[in-house]
């Protein structure tokens, strides 16, 4: 499509004069922009990131408290990672009542155990509920599937940061050999194949040289919410800066093993203010303290929802705001669709991202 458009422009440049060459050039530029929209997004985001500045707090290893199995109401066998030896573990944060969402994940991308020749394991991270009926149902679900990790804290929006702390502690203690740990919300269509492909292309380093990677959709120059009635409120005592350090959207992000160990060390020793900061902001603050710079990946969607197209979703790592029934439907379509060529994936990605941006701007203007 792009090559054909450029050829047409070349012909018109010969036959016409005046505004036609300019319009033709603009058309070619637009084609190229759509075709390489992910590269442009990655470049623009990296150009605008603030990076790491100032000194970083170094915490001694002995300041990290041990993690005990008793801290979790439900969890797989403590030897689950030793037996499975996963290359990547995906921890899906879920609310106790989101049984349909968890089952949709199990029936789609979470059911994959071999991706690009690597072992992948998916578990669900959740807290406690005050509902006795739901508590019983969770116990039955944990026994049936063996994939629930339930911390000893009340599962509320205000406690999402505690859920993340439990997630980091569990992964550090019981799955320290996993090369990567992905944190994913249960309304996200996740694509481990696209993630590992991206990592291989961008780094491709042997395990001994694995970098401290913190990958996702990076939010930049976010201003703290000082409104006391807002659910995102954060007092100046908790954070005195005017803008947060760059951080990855909490909808989905990935940590390499060195980054996980270093970040969880800082997180476990960090004072917890009240109210707690949003979980993705908290992880970003800990990463900043640890000297870990987030890496923006344009194939993570953390803002505008991306319209479904099989070739587009084959190239995306994560897509947010997916209902359980949509996840099942999209997965079926992707499984039965013919493999997309590189050209179709590039074109479809550009169109999907452009539609998502237009939808975002239209909704923002309303």
Protein backbone atom coordinates (compact mmCIF):
# COMPACT_ATOMS: atom_id res chain seq x y z
CA UNK A 1 0.00 0.00 0.00
CA UNK A 2 2.78 2.42 0.98
CA UNK A 3 4.94 1.57 -2.04
CA UNK A 4 1.99 1.91 -4.40
CA UNK A 5 1.11 5.31 -2.92
CA UNK A 6 4.68 6.53 -3.37
CA UNK A 7 4.73 5.29 -6.99
CA UNK A 8 1.50 7.14 -7.79
CA UNK A 9 2.99 10.27 -6.26
CA UNK A 10 6.09 9.90 -8.41
CA UNK A 11 3.99 9.72 -11.56
CA UNK A 12 1.93 12.74 -10.57
CA UNK A 13 5.03 14.74 -9.77
CA UNK A 14 6.13 14.29 -13.38
CA UNK A 15 2.77 15.15 -14.95
CA UNK A 16 1.61 18.02 -12.76
CA UNK A 17 2.91 21.13 -11.12
CA UNK A 18 1.78 23.62 -8.49
CA UNK A 19 0.16 22.22 -5.36
CA UNK A 20 -0.02 18.65 -6.63
CA UNK A 21 3.60 17.76 -5.73
CA UNK A 22 3.12 19.15 -2.22
CA UNK A 23 -0.13 17.26 -1.67
CA UNK A 24 1.44 14.12 -3.08
CA UNK A 25 4.43 14.47 -0.77
CA UNK A 26 2.15 14.97 2.22
CA UNK A 27 0.21 11.84 1.24
CA UNK A 28 3.41 9.81 1.15
CA UNK A 29 4.49 11.20 4.52
CA UNK A 30 1.12 10.28 6.02
CA UNK A 31 1.40 6.74 4.64
CA UNK A 32 4.85 6.36 6.15
CA UNK A 33 3.73 7.86 9.47
CA UNK A 34 0.90 5.33 9.78
CA UNK A 35 3.15 2.48 8.68
CA UNK A 36 5.80 3.32 11.29
CA UNK A 37 3.54 4.88 13.93
CA UNK A 38 4.92 2.65 16.70
CA UNK A 39 8.50 3.70 15.98
CA UNK A 40 7.47 7.35 15.96
CA UNK A 41 5.63 6.89 19.26
CA UNK A 42 8.63 5.18 20.84
CA UNK A 43 11.00 7.88 19.65
CA UNK A 44 8.75 10.75 20.79
CA UNK A 45 8.19 9.19 24.21
CA UNK A 46 11.86 8.44 24.81
CA UNK A 47 12.71 12.00 23.72
CA UNK A 48 10.29 13.43 26.31
CA UNK A 49 11.24 11.21 29.24
CA UNK A 50 12.97 12.84 32.18
CA UNK A 51 15.21 9.88 33.04
CA UNK A 52 16.93 9.43 36.39
CA UNK A 53 18.56 12.36 38.13
CA UNK A 54 20.03 12.92 41.54
CA UNK A 55 21.28 10.34 43.99
CA UNK A 56 19.63 6.98 44.50
CA UNK A 57 18.99 5.37 47.83
CA UNK A 58 21.00 2.21 48.34
CA UNK A 59 19.46 -0.21 50.82
CA UNK A 60 21.47 -3.07 52.33
CA UNK A 61 20.17 -6.61 51.68
CA UNK A 62 19.54 -7.24 55.37
CA UNK A 63 16.85 -4.53 55.40
CA UNK A 64 14.63 -6.76 53.23
CA UNK A 65 12.23 -8.75 55.45
CA UNK A 66 11.72 -12.41 54.57
CA UNK A 67 8.53 -13.54 52.90
CA UNK A 68 6.77 -16.48 54.55
CA UNK A 69 4.05 -18.74 53.13
CA UNK A 70 1.88 -17.82 56.13
CA UNK A 71 1.51 -14.33 54.67
CA UNK A 72 -0.77 -15.76 51.98
CA UNK A 73 -4.19 -17.34 52.52
CA UNK A 74 -3.96 -19.30 49.28
CA UNK A 75 -1.05 -19.99 46.99
CA UNK A 76 0.22 -22.81 44.80
CA UNK A 77 2.84 -25.11 46.22
CA UNK A 78 5.90 -23.18 47.36
CA UNK A 79 7.83 -25.41 44.95
CA UNK A 80 5.66 -24.52 41.94
CA UNK A 81 8.39 -22.51 40.20
CA UNK A 82 11.10 -25.03 41.04
CA UNK A 83 9.04 -27.72 39.33
CA UNK A 84 7.74 -25.69 36.37
CA UNK A 85 10.93 -23.62 35.90
CA UNK A 86 9.09 -20.82 34.07
CA UNK A 87 11.01 -18.42 31.86
CA UNK A 88 8.30 -15.83 32.52
CA UNK A 89 5.63 -15.66 35.18
CA UNK A 90 2.54 -13.51 34.64
CA UNK A 91 0.78 -12.33 37.80
CA UNK A 92 -2.73 -11.13 36.99
CA UNK A 93 -4.12 -8.73 39.58
CA UNK A 94 -7.80 -9.51 40.11
CA UNK A 95 -10.60 -8.67 42.54
CA UNK A 96 -12.19 -11.58 44.48
CA UNK A 97 -15.51 -11.26 42.65
CA UNK A 98 -14.00 -11.25 39.14
CA UNK A 99 -14.40 -14.99 38.54
CA UNK A 100 -15.52 -14.49 34.92
CA UNK A 101 -12.49 -12.38 34.11
CA UNK A 102 -10.10 -14.95 35.61
CA UNK A 103 -11.76 -17.79 33.71
CA UNK A 104 -11.57 -15.81 30.48
CA UNK A 105 -7.83 -15.37 31.01
CA UNK A 106 -7.43 -19.12 31.70
CA UNK A 107 -9.37 -19.96 28.54
CA UNK A 108 -7.34 -17.61 26.33
CA UNK A 109 -3.81 -16.25 26.62
CA UNK A 110 -3.33 -17.41 30.23
CA UNK A 111 -3.72 -21.00 29.15
CA UNK A 112 -0.56 -20.92 27.04
CA UNK A 113 2.39 -22.63 28.72
CA UNK A 114 4.93 -22.67 25.86
CA UNK A 115 5.70 -19.41 24.05
CA UNK A 116 8.56 -19.09 21.54
CA UNK A 117 10.18 -22.15 23.10
CA UNK A 118 9.95 -20.81 26.66
CA UNK A 119 7.88 -21.96 29.62
CA UNK A 120 5.28 -19.36 30.72
CA UNK A 121 3.14 -19.58 33.87
CA UNK A 122 0.09 -17.46 34.75
CA UNK A 123 -1.16 -16.93 38.32
CA UNK A 124 -3.75 -14.59 39.85
CA UNK A 125 -2.99 -12.13 42.67
CA UNK A 126 -5.84 -10.99 44.92
CA UNK A 127 -6.68 -9.97 48.46
CA UNK A 128 -9.27 -10.93 51.06
CA UNK A 129 -13.01 -10.32 50.98
CA UNK A 130 -15.41 -9.73 53.86
CA UNK A 131 -18.11 -11.77 52.09
CA UNK A 132 -18.18 -15.31 53.64
CA UNK A 133 -19.86 -16.82 50.55
CA UNK A 134 -17.21 -15.36 48.25
CA UNK A 135 -14.49 -16.49 50.64
CA UNK A 136 -15.73 -20.06 50.32
CA UNK A 137 -15.94 -19.78 46.53
CA UNK A 138 -12.35 -18.53 46.38
CA UNK A 139 -11.18 -21.49 48.46
CA UNK A 140 -12.91 -23.85 46.02
CA UNK A 141 -11.44 -21.99 43.03
CA UNK A 142 -7.95 -22.15 44.53
CA UNK A 143 -8.30 -25.89 45.10
CA UNK A 144 -9.68 -26.53 41.61
CA UNK A 145 -7.22 -24.48 39.58
CA UNK A 146 -4.21 -24.08 41.89
CA UNK A 147 -3.39 -20.66 40.43
CA UNK A 148 -4.51 -18.18 43.12
CA UNK A 149 -2.12 -16.19 45.30
CA UNK A 150 -4.22 -14.46 47.98
CA UNK A 151 -2.59 -12.00 50.36
CA UNK A 152 -3.75 -11.18 53.89
CA UNK A 153 -5.17 -7.72 53.19
CA UNK A 154 -8.63 -6.46 52.28
CA UNK A 155 -9.02 -6.27 48.52
CA UNK A 156 -10.02 -2.64 47.89
CA UNK A 157 -9.00 0.07 45.45
CA UNK A 158 -7.11 1.85 48.24
CA UNK A 159 -5.09 -1.31 48.88
CA UNK A 160 -3.91 -1.89 45.31
CA UNK A 161 -0.42 -0.87 46.40
CA UNK A 162 -0.49 -3.58 49.08
CA UNK A 163 -1.48 -6.05 46.37
CA UNK A 164 1.55 -5.01 44.34
CA UNK A 165 3.80 -5.35 47.39
CA UNK A 166 2.48 -8.86 47.95
CA UNK A 167 2.99 -9.67 44.27
CA UNK A 168 6.61 -8.51 44.32
CA UNK A 169 7.29 -10.32 47.59
CA UNK A 170 5.79 -13.59 46.34
CA UNK A 171 7.69 -13.50 43.05
CA UNK A 172 10.94 -12.64 44.81
CA UNK A 173 10.59 -15.41 47.39
CA UNK A 174 8.99 -18.27 45.49
CA UNK A 175 9.94 -17.64 41.85
CA UNK A 176 13.35 -15.91 41.92
CA UNK A 177 14.69 -17.80 38.88
CA UNK A 178 12.06 -16.56 36.41
CA UNK A 179 13.76 -14.35 33.83
CA UNK A 180 10.77 -12.01 33.62
CA UNK A 181 7.73 -11.17 35.77
CA UNK A 182 4.73 -9.50 34.13
CA UNK A 183 2.06 -7.70 36.12
CA UNK A 184 -1.23 -7.61 34.20
CA UNK A 185 -4.77 -6.49 35.11
CA UNK A 186 -7.56 -9.01 34.56
CA UNK A 187 -9.25 -6.80 31.92
CA UNK A 188 -6.17 -6.84 29.68
CA UNK A 189 -5.63 -8.98 26.60
CA UNK A 190 -1.98 -9.93 27.04
CA UNK A 191 0.29 -11.33 24.34
CA UNK A 192 3.41 -13.09 25.73
CA UNK A 193 4.52 -14.00 22.20
CA UNK A 194 4.65 -10.35 21.11
CA UNK A 195 6.42 -9.40 24.36
CA UNK A 196 9.18 -12.00 24.05
CA UNK A 197 9.58 -11.14 20.36
CA UNK A 198 10.01 -7.47 21.28
CA UNK A 199 12.56 -8.28 24.01
CA UNK A 200 14.54 -10.54 21.68
CA UNK A 201 14.68 -7.88 18.96
CA UNK A 202 15.56 -5.00 21.27
CA UNK A 203 18.02 -6.70 23.61
CA UNK A 204 18.62 -10.34 22.77
CA UNK A 205 21.38 -10.52 25.40
CA UNK A 206 22.36 -13.78 27.07
CA UNK A 207 20.98 -14.37 30.55
CA UNK A 208 24.26 -13.41 32.20
CA UNK A 209 23.93 -9.94 30.66
CA UNK A 210 20.20 -9.42 31.36
CA UNK A 211 19.56 -5.74 32.02
CA UNK A 212 17.39 -4.15 34.70
CA UNK A 213 14.31 -3.84 32.50
CA UNK A 214 11.08 -2.14 33.55
CA UNK A 215 8.92 -2.19 30.41
CA UNK A 216 5.44 -0.86 29.68
CA UNK A 217 3.54 2.20 28.55
CA UNK A 218 5.41 5.07 30.20
CA UNK A 219 3.50 7.97 31.76
CA UNK A 220 5.52 11.18 31.84
CA UNK A 221 5.30 14.36 33.89
CA UNK A 222 2.16 13.31 35.77
CA UNK A 223 1.09 15.84 38.41
CA UNK A 224 0.04 14.50 41.85
CA UNK A 225 -3.66 14.80 42.66
CA UNK A 226 -3.98 17.05 45.72
CA UNK A 227 -7.79 16.90 45.93
CA UNK A 228 -8.61 15.22 49.29
CA UNK A 229 -11.91 13.81 47.99
CA UNK A 230 -10.30 12.18 44.95
CA UNK A 231 -9.54 8.46 45.00
CA UNK A 232 -6.12 9.35 43.53
CA UNK A 233 -5.34 11.84 46.31
CA UNK A 234 -1.73 11.98 47.45
CA UNK A 235 -0.67 14.38 50.20
CA UNK A 236 2.47 16.50 50.06
CA UNK A 237 3.77 14.58 53.07
CA UNK A 238 3.63 11.38 51.01
CA UNK A 239 5.22 13.01 47.95
CA UNK A 240 6.45 16.57 47.91
CA UNK A 241 7.43 16.88 44.26
CA UNK A 242 5.49 18.74 41.59
CA UNK A 243 5.54 15.83 39.13
CA UNK A 244 6.06 12.09 39.54
CA UNK A 245 9.11 10.38 38.06
CA UNK A 246 8.30 8.58 34.82
CA UNK A 247 6.48 5.30 35.48
CA UNK A 248 4.78 2.48 33.56
CA UNK A 249 1.00 2.21 33.41
CA UNK A 250 -0.29 -0.24 36.00
CA UNK A 251 -2.49 -1.99 33.44
CA UNK A 252 0.50 -4.08 32.36
CA UNK A 253 4.25 -3.86 32.88
CA UNK A 254 7.19 -6.26 32.88
CA UNK A 255 10.23 -6.57 35.12
CA UNK A 256 13.38 -8.51 34.37
CA UNK A 257 14.79 -10.62 37.19
CA UNK A 258 17.50 -8.09 38.19
CA UNK A 259 14.93 -5.27 38.17
CA UNK A 260 12.45 -7.31 40.22
CA UNK A 261 14.98 -8.11 42.93
CA UNK A 262 16.26 -4.54 43.13
CA UNK A 263 12.83 -2.91 42.98
CA UNK A 264 11.25 -5.28 45.52
CA UNK A 265 14.14 -4.57 47.87
CA UNK A 266 13.36 -0.86 47.76
CA UNK A 267 9.58 -1.43 47.92
CA UNK A 268 9.77 -3.64 51.01
CA UNK A 269 11.83 -1.06 52.88
CA UNK A 270 9.94 2.05 51.71
CA UNK A 271 7.67 3.78 54.25
CA UNK A 272 3.99 3.49 53.35
CA UNK A 273 2.12 6.80 53.74
CA UNK A 274 -1.64 7.03 54.23
CA UNK A 275 -3.44 7.20 51.95
CA UNK A 276 -1.30 4.92 49.83
CA UNK A 277 -0.12 6.23 46.43
CA UNK A 278 -1.56 4.58 43.31
CA UNK A 279 0.18 1.25 42.75
CA UNK A 280 1.78 2.13 39.42
CA UNK A 281 3.03 5.43 40.86
CA UNK A 282 4.43 3.55 43.87
CA UNK A 283 6.30 1.12 41.60
CA UNK A 284 7.61 4.07 39.59
CA UNK A 285 8.83 5.83 42.74
CA UNK A 286 10.59 2.66 43.89
CA UNK A 287 12.15 2.20 40.45
CA UNK A 288 13.37 5.81 40.51
CA UNK A 289 14.88 5.28 43.97
CA UNK A 290 16.56 2.11 42.72
CA UNK A 291 17.95 3.92 39.68
CA UNK A 292 15.89 1.89 37.19
CA UNK A 293 14.71 3.83 34.13
CA UNK A 294 11.37 2.67 32.63
CA UNK A 295 11.40 1.57 29.00
CA UNK A 296 8.49 2.68 26.85
CA UNK A 297 7.10 0.00 24.54
CA UNK A 298 4.53 1.23 21.98
CA UNK A 299 2.87 -2.20 21.93
CA UNK A 300 1.45 -1.72 25.43
CA UNK A 301 -1.88 0.13 25.53
CA UNK A 302 -2.44 1.89 28.82
CA UNK A 303 -4.75 4.66 27.72
CA UNK A 304 -7.01 4.73 24.65
CA UNK A 305 -8.67 1.38 23.99
CA UNK A 306 -7.43 -0.25 20.80
CA UNK A 307 -10.18 -1.46 18.40
CA UNK A 308 -9.97 -5.14 17.57
CA UNK A 309 -8.35 -6.41 14.40
CA UNK A 310 -6.62 -9.81 14.32
CA UNK A 311 -3.41 -8.56 12.71
CA UNK A 312 -3.26 -5.56 15.04
CA UNK A 313 -3.70 -7.67 18.17
CA UNK A 314 -1.03 -10.10 16.94
CA UNK A 315 1.44 -7.22 17.17
CA UNK A 316 0.26 -5.71 20.46
CA UNK A 317 1.65 -6.86 23.82
CA UNK A 318 -1.30 -5.62 25.90
CA UNK A 319 -4.73 -4.16 25.20
CA UNK A 320 -6.72 -2.67 28.08
CA UNK A 321 -10.48 -2.46 28.74
CA UNK A 322 -11.35 -5.94 27.45
CA UNK A 323 -14.48 -7.59 28.88
CA UNK A 324 -14.45 -11.36 29.54
CA UNK A 325 -16.83 -12.13 26.65
CA UNK A 326 -14.79 -9.90 24.32
CA UNK A 327 -11.57 -11.64 25.35
CA UNK A 328 -13.03 -15.03 24.47
CA UNK A 329 -14.40 -13.75 21.16
CA UNK A 330 -11.18 -11.97 20.15
CA UNK A 331 -9.05 -14.96 21.09
CA UNK A 332 -11.18 -17.29 18.98
CA UNK A 333 -10.93 -14.95 16.00
CA UNK A 334 -7.15 -14.70 16.41
CA UNK A 335 -6.74 -18.46 16.66
CA UNK A 336 -8.75 -19.16 13.50
CA UNK A 337 -7.40 -16.23 11.50
CA UNK A 338 -4.64 -16.89 8.99
CA UNK A 339 -1.14 -15.81 10.12
CA UNK A 340 -0.62 -12.17 9.29
CA UNK A 341 2.31 -11.12 7.12
CA UNK A 342 4.78 -8.52 8.35
CA UNK A 343 3.24 -5.96 5.98
CA UNK A 344 -0.32 -6.62 7.21
CA UNK A 345 0.74 -6.40 10.87
CA UNK A 346 2.52 -3.07 10.24
CA UNK A 347 -0.47 -1.62 8.38
CA UNK A 348 -3.04 -2.92 10.87
CA UNK A 349 -1.05 -1.64 13.85
CA UNK A 350 -0.88 1.83 12.35
CA UNK A 351 -4.60 1.95 11.58
CA UNK A 352 -5.58 0.61 15.03
CA UNK A 353 -3.38 3.09 16.85
CA UNK A 354 -4.62 5.97 14.72
CA UNK A 355 -8.26 5.00 15.42
CA UNK A 356 -7.51 4.72 19.14
CA UNK A 357 -5.95 8.18 19.22
CA UNK A 358 -8.83 9.72 17.30
CA UNK A 359 -11.34 8.08 19.63
CA UNK A 360 -9.39 9.35 22.63
CA UNK A 361 -9.32 12.93 21.38
CA UNK A 362 -13.02 12.83 20.46
CA UNK A 363 -14.00 11.56 23.92
CA UNK A 364 -11.68 14.08 25.60
CA UNK A 365 -13.38 16.91 23.75
CA UNK A 366 -16.85 15.92 24.90
